[in-house]
Amino acid sequence: MTELLGKRISALRSAKGINQRQLAEKLNISPSAIGMYEQGRREPSLALIMELAEIYFPSQPVFFSPDVQPAQRQKIMLHCSN
């Protein structure tokens, strides 16, 4: 799970056109922490995952919210897997 999450963080970061340092600055964490998450060597907290969701999907409801409809959840997950 950690490795898959890391790959998604990396892919979304690259798709947004930002480097690890820039993402780290947005999240107020170190660039090495981003690297460890992307390599699957460390697992981000739920709070950090929520912040990532807000960065990558600002116009979407947070995908952990119970308010998210199945169609929206599927769209978000498809976007993450690309």
Protein backbone atom coordinates (compact mmCIF):
# COMPACT_ATOMS: atom_id res chain seq x y z
CA MET A 1 0.00 0.00 0.00
CA THR A 2 2.76 2.44 0.93
CA GLU A 3 4.58 1.84 -2.36
CA LEU A 4 1.40 2.35 -4.41
CA LEU A 5 0.59 5.54 -2.51
CA GLY A 6 4.14 6.77 -3.11
CA LYS A 7 3.84 6.15 -6.84
CA ARG A 8 0.58 8.08 -6.93
CA ILE A 9 2.07 11.01 -5.02
CA SER A 10 4.99 11.08 -7.45
CA ALA A 11 2.78 10.81 -10.54
CA LEU A 12 0.41 13.54 -9.38
CA ARG A 13 3.31 15.81 -8.44
CA SER A 14 4.90 15.32 -11.85
CA ALA A 15 1.58 15.89 -13.63
CA LYS A 16 1.23 19.17 -11.75
CA GLY A 17 4.71 20.16 -12.96
CA ILE A 18 6.27 20.69 -9.55
CA ASN A 19 9.38 19.20 -8.00
CA GLN A 20 9.74 17.58 -4.59
CA ARG A 21 11.08 20.78 -3.02
CA GLN A 22 8.09 22.81 -4.24
CA LEU A 23 5.61 20.24 -2.95
CA ALA A 24 7.46 20.07 0.37
CA GLU A 25 7.20 23.86 0.72
CA LYS A 26 3.44 23.74 0.12
CA LEU A 27 3.11 21.09 2.82
CA ASN A 28 5.63 22.63 5.23
CA ILE A 29 7.70 19.44 5.34
CA SER A 30 11.19 18.55 4.12
CA PRO A 31 11.92 17.53 0.53
CA SER A 32 13.48 14.34 1.89
CA ALA A 33 10.12 13.42 3.46
CA ILE A 34 8.49 13.74 0.03
CA GLY A 35 11.22 11.52 -1.41
CA MET A 36 10.65 8.89 1.28
CA TYR A 37 6.88 8.94 0.67
CA GLU A 38 7.39 8.58 -3.08
CA GLN A 39 9.84 5.71 -2.59
CA GLY A 40 7.46 3.92 -0.23
CA ARG A 41 9.98 4.14 2.63
CA ARG A 42 7.65 6.19 4.80
CA GLU A 43 3.86 6.50 5.01
CA PRO A 44 2.25 9.94 5.18
CA SER A 45 -0.22 10.69 7.94
CA LEU A 46 -3.91 10.93 7.17
CA ALA A 47 -3.69 14.70 7.75
CA LEU A 48 -0.94 14.97 5.12
CA ILE A 49 -2.93 12.84 2.68
CA MET A 50 -5.85 15.22 3.16
CA GLU A 51 -3.55 18.18 2.39
CA LEU A 52 -2.33 16.42 -0.73
CA ALA A 53 -5.92 15.88 -1.83
CA GLU A 54 -6.58 19.60 -1.46
CA ILE A 55 -3.51 20.41 -3.58
CA TYR A 56 -4.25 17.89 -6.33
CA PHE A 57 -8.06 18.06 -6.35
CA PRO A 58 -9.01 21.56 -5.18
CA SER A 59 -12.35 21.56 -7.00
CA GLN A 60 -13.28 18.04 -5.87
CA PRO A 61 -14.69 17.11 -2.49
CA VAL A 62 -12.05 15.49 -0.31
CA PHE A 63 -12.11 11.86 -1.37
CA PHE A 64 -12.17 10.60 2.20
CA SER A 65 -15.41 12.41 2.89
CA PRO A 66 -18.57 10.32 3.27
CA ASP A 67 -20.31 12.96 1.10
CA VAL A 68 -18.44 11.82 -2.01
CA GLN A 69 -20.75 10.00 -4.38
CA PRO A 70 -19.57 6.69 -5.94
CA ALA A 71 -19.25 8.28 -9.39
CA GLN A 72 -17.07 11.08 -7.99
CA ARG A 73 -14.96 8.60 -6.03
CA GLN A 74 -14.40 6.53 -9.16
CA LYS A 75 -13.41 9.64 -11.16
CA ILE A 76 -10.91 10.65 -8.45
CA MET A 77 -9.40 7.17 -8.21
CA LEU A 78 -9.08 6.94 -12.01
CA HIS A 79 -7.29 10.29 -12.01
CA CYS A 80 -4.92 9.04 -9.29
CA SER A 81 -4.03 5.90 -11.18
CA ASN A 82 -2.89 7.75 -14.31
